[in-house]
Amino acid sequence: MMRMHCFSLIKRVAPSGSPRRLPGLLAAGALLLAWAGAPATAFAAGTPSPEGDVLVRVDGQPITRAEVFALNPQAQSNALAANQTAQTLINRLLLNKAAKAQGLDQEPGVKAALQSAEQTVLAQAALAHHLQGQPIDEQEVKQQYETMVKQNPPHQYRVRLITVASHALAEKVLNDLKSGKRFTDLAAEHSTGPNAALGGELGWVLRPQLQASVGTALKALKPGEITGPVSVPEGWAIVQLLQKRPTEVLPVDAVRARIEQQIRNKQEADYLAQLRAQAKIEVVGAKPDQPASAASGAGVQQ
């Protein structure tokens, strides 16, 4: 009956000369012990390591502090998280090396996936870079908030409904109410609505959440009054207004995040529209039942 459409390290080196190179898992284990024994503050982003920002090398390929922190920001203050993240990066390097050794990076499916991943990262970087130069104006936030307040329905209604299939039964229910029978009892007995067991009560609702005919009927009622039969898609309804109160308006700070996201979405859409206007987009191979204009208007998938 209701239509709900309203509105979060430290590498150890040999005592003299160059670092000792420990094979495979032994080196990883040594790294784990070294980090686990270090205080959490040793993993702060600004803490230097003996070889600059390099934390470990895998067959000569470095893993840096920045890579560890980028993959897991908690690693900056948590030694265990730093170790676990470093082990993940070591495993990833080894698997990458194995894949390339077997020529898997040249397989069509893998190449397509790598290309898609690169395009996604670059697209996200382009949007992020553009938005950095588009600060959200406080005046725009206030203007959007004021628009939302004006569009907000002014009243809430506490409503009961009895919904039945036939007009004749609706008339009978209405006559029973006039003769003194309880609304809740008749709702439990006759209503086909989902709130029949609750005496037909819908709780506090806004008019746009109700069927249009029910919302119109409410406008003529005072608290306690009943009207009907009212035509609804399910048949016929008897409507009772229990209470009416002004809609509570949330302060701007309570909806600020939602407003700012709407502004960001518009900024992204405007930027994409600008890029599309500057580009030459040719639709090739459109299906016979798909006009070229519709295909060319498709959004960019990220």
Protein backbone atom coordinates (compact mmCIF):
# COMPACT_ATOMS: atom_id res chain seq x y z
CA MET A 1 0.00 0.00 0.00
CA MET A 2 2.90 2.32 0.76
CA ARG A 3 5.36 3.47 -1.86
CA MET A 4 8.74 4.11 -0.24
CA HIS A 5 10.29 6.36 -2.86
CA CYS A 6 10.69 9.57 -0.84
CA PHE A 7 13.15 10.34 0.49
CA SER A 8 35.08 4.49 6.57
CA LEU A 9 59.48 -1.27 9.26
CA ILE A 10 63.04 -2.03 9.77
CA LYS A 11 65.48 -4.04 7.80
CA ARG A 12 68.36 -5.50 9.71
CA VAL A 13 71.77 -5.60 8.05
CA ALA A 14 74.86 -7.69 8.71
CA PRO A 15 77.31 -6.14 11.19
CA SER A 16 79.83 -5.55 8.41
CA GLY A 17 79.76 -5.10 4.65
CA SER A 18 76.66 -5.79 2.56
CA PRO A 19 73.39 -7.33 3.84
CA ARG A 20 73.26 -11.09 4.09
CA ARG A 21 70.91 -12.58 1.50
CA LEU A 22 68.68 -15.19 3.12
CA PRO A 23 66.93 -17.61 0.77
CA GLY A 24 63.18 -17.72 0.31
CA LEU A 25 61.03 -18.28 3.37
CA LEU A 26 64.01 -17.85 5.71
CA ALA A 27 64.36 -14.23 4.63
CA ALA A 28 60.62 -13.68 5.02
CA GLY A 29 60.74 -15.17 8.49
CA ALA A 30 63.65 -12.97 9.47
CA LEU A 31 61.75 -9.93 8.26
CA LEU A 32 58.72 -10.93 10.30
CA LEU A 33 60.78 -11.36 13.47
CA ALA A 34 62.58 -8.07 12.97
CA TRP A 35 59.39 -6.13 12.49
CA ALA A 36 57.49 -7.93 15.23
CA GLY A 37 60.24 -7.00 17.69
CA ALA A 38 60.19 -3.33 16.72
CA PRO A 39 57.96 -0.79 18.44
CA ALA A 40 54.88 0.35 16.56
CA THR A 41 56.34 3.84 16.19
CA ALA A 42 59.12 2.40 14.04
CA PHE A 43 56.61 2.04 11.24
CA ALA A 44 55.63 5.68 11.04
CA ALA A 45 55.67 7.04 7.50
CA GLY A 46 58.54 9.43 8.20
CA THR A 47 60.85 6.90 9.87
CA PRO A 48 63.91 6.26 7.68
CA SER A 49 65.23 2.76 7.01
CA PRO A 50 68.88 1.81 6.41
CA GLU A 51 68.28 1.73 2.63
CA GLY A 52 66.00 4.72 2.32
CA ASP A 53 62.42 3.61 1.82
CA VAL A 54 63.18 0.04 0.71
CA LEU A 55 62.03 -2.52 3.26
CA VAL A 56 62.83 -5.81 1.55
CA ARG A 57 64.10 -7.06 -1.82
CA VAL A 58 62.72 -10.09 -3.63
CA ASP A 59 65.24 -11.37 -6.17
CA GLY A 60 66.55 -7.82 -6.37
CA GLN A 61 63.15 -6.17 -6.77
CA PRO A 62 62.41 -3.75 -3.92
CA ILE A 63 59.30 -3.44 -1.77
CA THR A 64 59.06 0.02 -0.28
CA ARG A 65 57.50 1.45 2.83
CA ALA A 66 55.16 3.49 0.61
CA GLU A 67 53.87 0.31 -1.08
CA VAL A 68 53.14 -1.31 2.27
CA PHE A 69 51.34 1.75 3.61
CA ALA A 70 49.40 2.25 0.37
CA LEU A 71 48.11 -1.33 0.45
CA ASN A 72 47.25 -1.18 4.15
CA PRO A 73 47.22 2.23 5.93
CA GLN A 74 46.99 0.45 9.30
CA ALA A 75 50.57 -0.72 8.73
CA GLN A 76 51.79 2.78 9.63
CA SER A 77 51.01 2.20 13.30
CA ASN A 78 50.61 -1.56 13.61
CA ALA A 79 53.69 -3.81 13.39
CA LEU A 80 51.66 -6.98 12.81
CA ALA A 81 49.69 -5.36 10.00
CA ALA A 82 52.95 -4.12 8.47
CA ASN A 83 54.40 -7.63 8.50
CA GLN A 84 51.29 -9.24 7.06
CA THR A 85 51.07 -6.63 4.31
CA ALA A 86 54.74 -7.05 3.44
CA GLN A 87 54.28 -10.82 3.18
CA THR A 88 51.31 -10.21 0.84
CA LEU A 89 53.48 -8.02 -1.38
CA ILE A 90 56.29 -10.61 -1.38
CA ASN A 91 53.85 -13.32 -2.46
CA ARG A 92 52.42 -11.05 -5.12
CA LEU A 93 55.86 -10.33 -6.58
CA LEU A 94 56.72 -14.02 -6.64
CA LEU A 95 53.45 -14.93 -8.36
CA ASN A 96 53.91 -12.12 -10.88
CA LYS A 97 57.39 -13.39 -11.66
CA ALA A 98 56.08 -16.95 -12.08
CA ALA A 99 53.29 -15.75 -14.38
CA LYS A 100 55.72 -13.84 -16.62
CA ALA A 101 58.13 -16.78 -16.69
CA GLN A 102 55.32 -18.91 -18.10
CA GLY A 103 54.28 -16.26 -20.61
CA LEU A 104 50.88 -15.79 -18.97
CA ASP A 105 51.14 -12.02 -19.31
CA GLN A 106 50.94 -12.47 -23.09
CA GLU A 107 47.70 -14.44 -23.08
CA PRO A 108 44.83 -12.45 -24.66
CA GLY A 109 42.56 -12.68 -21.64
CA VAL A 110 45.29 -11.59 -19.23
CA LYS A 111 46.41 -8.73 -21.49
CA ALA A 112 42.81 -7.51 -21.79
CA ALA A 113 42.36 -7.63 -18.00
CA LEU A 114 45.62 -5.72 -17.45
CA GLN A 115 44.59 -3.10 -19.96
CA SER A 116 41.16 -2.76 -18.35
CA ALA A 117 42.73 -2.40 -14.90
CA GLU A 118 45.11 0.28 -16.20
CA GLN A 119 42.25 2.20 -17.79
CA THR A 120 40.21 2.02 -14.59
CA VAL A 121 43.08 3.31 -12.44
CA LEU A 122 43.83 6.14 -14.87
CA ALA A 123 40.13 7.08 -15.10
CA GLN A 124 39.86 7.25 -11.33
CA ALA A 125 43.08 9.29 -11.16
CA ALA A 126 41.78 11.74 -13.77
CA LEU A 127 38.53 12.26 -11.85
CA ALA A 128 40.34 12.64 -8.53
CA HIS A 129 42.75 15.17 -10.04
CA HIS A 130 39.89 17.17 -11.55
CA LEU A 131 37.88 17.20 -8.32
CA GLN A 132 40.89 18.41 -6.34
CA GLY A 133 40.63 21.64 -8.29
CA GLN A 134 36.87 21.89 -7.71
CA PRO A 135 36.36 22.67 -4.01
CA ILE A 136 32.80 22.46 -2.71
CA ASP A 137 31.39 25.91 -2.12
CA GLU A 138 29.59 26.39 1.19
CA GLN A 139 27.07 28.66 -0.47
CA GLU A 140 26.14 25.89 -2.89
CA VAL A 141 25.66 23.49 0.03
CA LYS A 142 23.30 25.96 1.69
CA GLN A 143 21.37 26.54 -1.53
CA GLN A 144 20.84 22.83 -2.09
CA TYR A 145 19.80 22.43 1.54
CA GLU A 146 17.22 25.20 1.20
CA THR A 147 15.88 23.54 -1.95
CA MET A 148 15.55 20.23 -0.10
CA VAL A 149 13.69 21.94 2.74
CA LYS A 150 11.24 23.53 0.30
CA GLN A 151 10.64 20.21 -1.46
CA ASN A 152 10.12 18.39 1.83
CA PRO A 153 6.44 17.58 2.50
CA PRO A 154 5.25 19.92 5.27
CA HIS A 155 3.32 17.31 7.30
CA GLN A 156 3.49 13.72 8.50
CA TYR A 157 0.38 11.63 8.99
CA ARG A 158 -0.40 8.72 11.27
CA VAL A 159 -2.81 6.63 9.23
CA ARG A 160 -4.92 3.48 9.38
CA LEU A 161 -6.16 1.62 6.31
CA ILE A 162 -8.59 -1.20 5.71
CA THR A 163 -8.10 -2.57 2.20
CA VAL A 164 -10.66 -4.90 0.64
CA ALA A 165 -11.25 -6.29 -2.84
CA SER A 166 -14.84 -5.13 -3.51
CA HIS A 167 -16.67 -1.85 -3.23
CA ALA A 168 -19.60 -3.62 -1.56
CA LEU A 169 -17.40 -4.97 1.23
CA ALA A 170 -15.80 -1.54 1.68
CA GLU A 171 -19.28 -0.03 2.11
CA LYS A 172 -20.15 -2.70 4.66
CA VAL A 173 -16.96 -2.01 6.64
CA LEU A 174 -17.70 1.72 6.58
CA ASN A 175 -21.24 1.13 7.88
CA ASP A 176 -19.87 -1.13 10.63
CA LEU A 177 -17.54 1.68 11.70
CA LYS A 178 -20.42 4.13 11.78
CA SER A 179 -22.37 1.71 13.97
CA GLY A 180 -19.56 1.75 16.54
CA LYS A 181 -17.39 -1.25 15.66
CA ARG A 182 -13.65 -0.85 16.29
CA PHE A 183 -11.42 0.01 13.34
CA THR A 184 -8.67 -2.35 14.55
CA ASP A 185 -11.09 -5.29 14.80
CA LEU A 186 -12.49 -4.72 11.32
CA ALA A 187 -8.99 -4.36 9.89
CA ALA A 188 -7.91 -7.66 11.40
CA GLU A 189 -11.06 -9.33 10.10
CA HIS A 190 -11.34 -7.91 6.58
CA SER A 191 -8.22 -6.06 5.43
CA THR A 192 -5.96 -7.65 2.82
CA GLY A 193 -3.23 -5.09 3.49
CA PRO A 194 0.11 -6.06 5.05
CA ASN A 195 -0.72 -4.12 8.24
CA ALA A 196 -4.02 -5.89 8.97
CA ALA A 197 -2.63 -7.57 12.08
CA LEU A 198 -1.63 -4.13 13.40
CA GLY A 199 -5.18 -2.87 13.08
CA GLY A 200 -4.39 -1.39 9.69
CA GLU A 201 -1.99 1.18 11.13
CA LEU A 202 0.82 2.38 8.86
CA GLY A 203 2.58 4.51 11.45
CA TRP A 204 3.87 7.99 10.60
CA VAL A 205 4.08 8.52 6.82
CA LEU A 206 4.45 11.30 4.28
CA ARG A 207 1.79 11.82 1.63
CA PRO A 208 4.17 10.94 -1.26
CA GLN A 209 4.68 7.52 0.36
CA LEU A 210 1.00 6.68 -0.05
CA GLN A 211 -1.12 5.88 -3.06
CA ALA A 212 -2.15 9.16 -4.70
CA SER A 213 -5.84 8.58 -4.00
CA VAL A 214 -5.18 7.95 -0.30
CA GLY A 215 -2.98 11.01 -0.07
CA THR A 216 -5.71 13.13 -1.64
CA ALA A 217 -8.29 11.74 0.78
CA LEU A 218 -6.10 12.67 3.76
CA LYS A 219 -6.17 16.34 2.83
CA ALA A 220 -9.86 16.56 3.69
CA LEU A 221 -9.61 14.75 7.04
CA LYS A 222 -9.11 16.00 10.56
CA PRO A 223 -7.50 13.74 13.20
CA GLY A 224 -9.93 10.98 14.17
CA GLU A 225 -12.02 11.21 10.99
CA ILE A 226 -12.67 8.36 8.57
CA THR A 227 -13.40 8.41 4.85
CA GLY A 228 -14.00 5.92 2.06
CA PRO A 229 -14.36 3.91 0.04
CA VAL A 230 -11.23 5.15 -1.76
CA SER A 231 -10.14 3.47 -4.99
CA VAL A 232 -6.68 1.88 -4.77
CA PRO A 233 -4.85 -0.61 -7.03
CA GLU A 234 -5.65 -3.44 -4.61
CA GLY A 235 -9.37 -2.64 -4.60
CA TRP A 236 -10.95 -0.24 -2.14
CA ALA A 237 -9.75 1.34 1.09
CA ILE A 238 -11.24 2.86 4.21
CA VAL A 239 -8.90 5.58 5.51
CA GLN A 240 -8.60 6.96 9.02
CA LEU A 241 -6.37 9.88 10.02
CA LEU A 242 -5.18 9.40 13.59
CA GLN A 243 -2.73 12.28 13.96
CA LYS A 244 -1.03 14.99 11.93
CA ARG A 245 2.19 16.83 12.74
CA PRO A 246 4.74 19.11 11.02
CA THR A 247 7.57 17.27 9.31
CA GLU A 248 10.81 17.47 11.26
CA VAL A 249 13.48 19.28 9.26
CA LEU A 250 17.01 17.97 9.79
CA PRO A 251 19.75 20.57 10.29
CA VAL A 252 22.13 21.17 7.41
CA ASP A 253 25.03 19.37 9.13
CA ALA A 254 22.94 16.20 9.37
CA VAL A 255 22.58 16.03 5.59
CA ARG A 256 25.82 17.77 4.59
CA ALA A 257 27.57 14.56 3.48
CA ARG A 258 24.67 13.65 1.20
CA ILE A 259 24.56 17.15 -0.31
CA GLU A 260 28.32 17.22 -0.88
CA GLN A 261 28.14 13.84 -2.59
CA GLN A 262 25.41 15.14 -4.89
CA ILE A 263 27.62 18.10 -5.76
CA ARG A 264 30.57 15.78 -6.43
CA ASN A 265 28.38 13.60 -8.66
CA LYS A 266 27.38 16.65 -10.69
CA GLN A 267 30.99 17.79 -10.97
CA GLU A 268 31.96 14.35 -12.28
CA ALA A 269 29.07 14.32 -14.74
CA ASP A 270 29.93 17.82 -15.99
CA TYR A 271 33.59 16.85 -16.46
CA LEU A 272 32.67 13.71 -18.39
CA ALA A 273 30.23 15.72 -20.54
CA GLN A 274 33.05 18.18 -21.30
CA LEU A 275 35.43 15.36 -22.29
CA ARG A 276 32.78 13.71 -24.46
CA ALA A 277 32.02 17.00 -26.19
CA GLN A 278 35.71 17.41 -27.05
CA ALA A 279 36.12 13.83 -28.29
CA LYS A 280 35.21 12.23 -31.59
CA ILE A 281 33.08 9.22 -30.65
CA GLU A 282 32.22 6.88 -33.48
CA VAL A 283 29.64 4.16 -32.87
CA VAL A 284 30.63 1.04 -34.79
CA GLY A 285 28.57 -2.14 -34.99
CA ALA A 286 25.39 -0.93 -33.29
CA LYS A 287 22.66 -3.55 -33.26
CA PRO A 288 19.79 -3.05 -35.77
CA ASP A 289 17.31 -2.40 -32.95
CA GLN A 290 19.66 0.02 -31.17
CA PRO A 291 19.83 3.52 -32.69
CA ALA A 292 23.34 4.90 -33.03
CA SER A 293 22.34 7.94 -31.00
CA ALA A 294 21.39 5.73 -28.05
CA ALA A 295 24.65 3.79 -28.23
CA SER A 296 26.76 6.93 -28.43
CA GLY A 297 24.99 8.33 -25.36
CA ALA A 298 26.02 5.43 -23.17
CA GLY A 299 27.93 6.47 -20.06
CA VAL A 300 31.57 5.71 -19.38
CA GLN A 301 31.86 2.60 -17.23
CA GLN A 302 34.47 2.81 -14.49
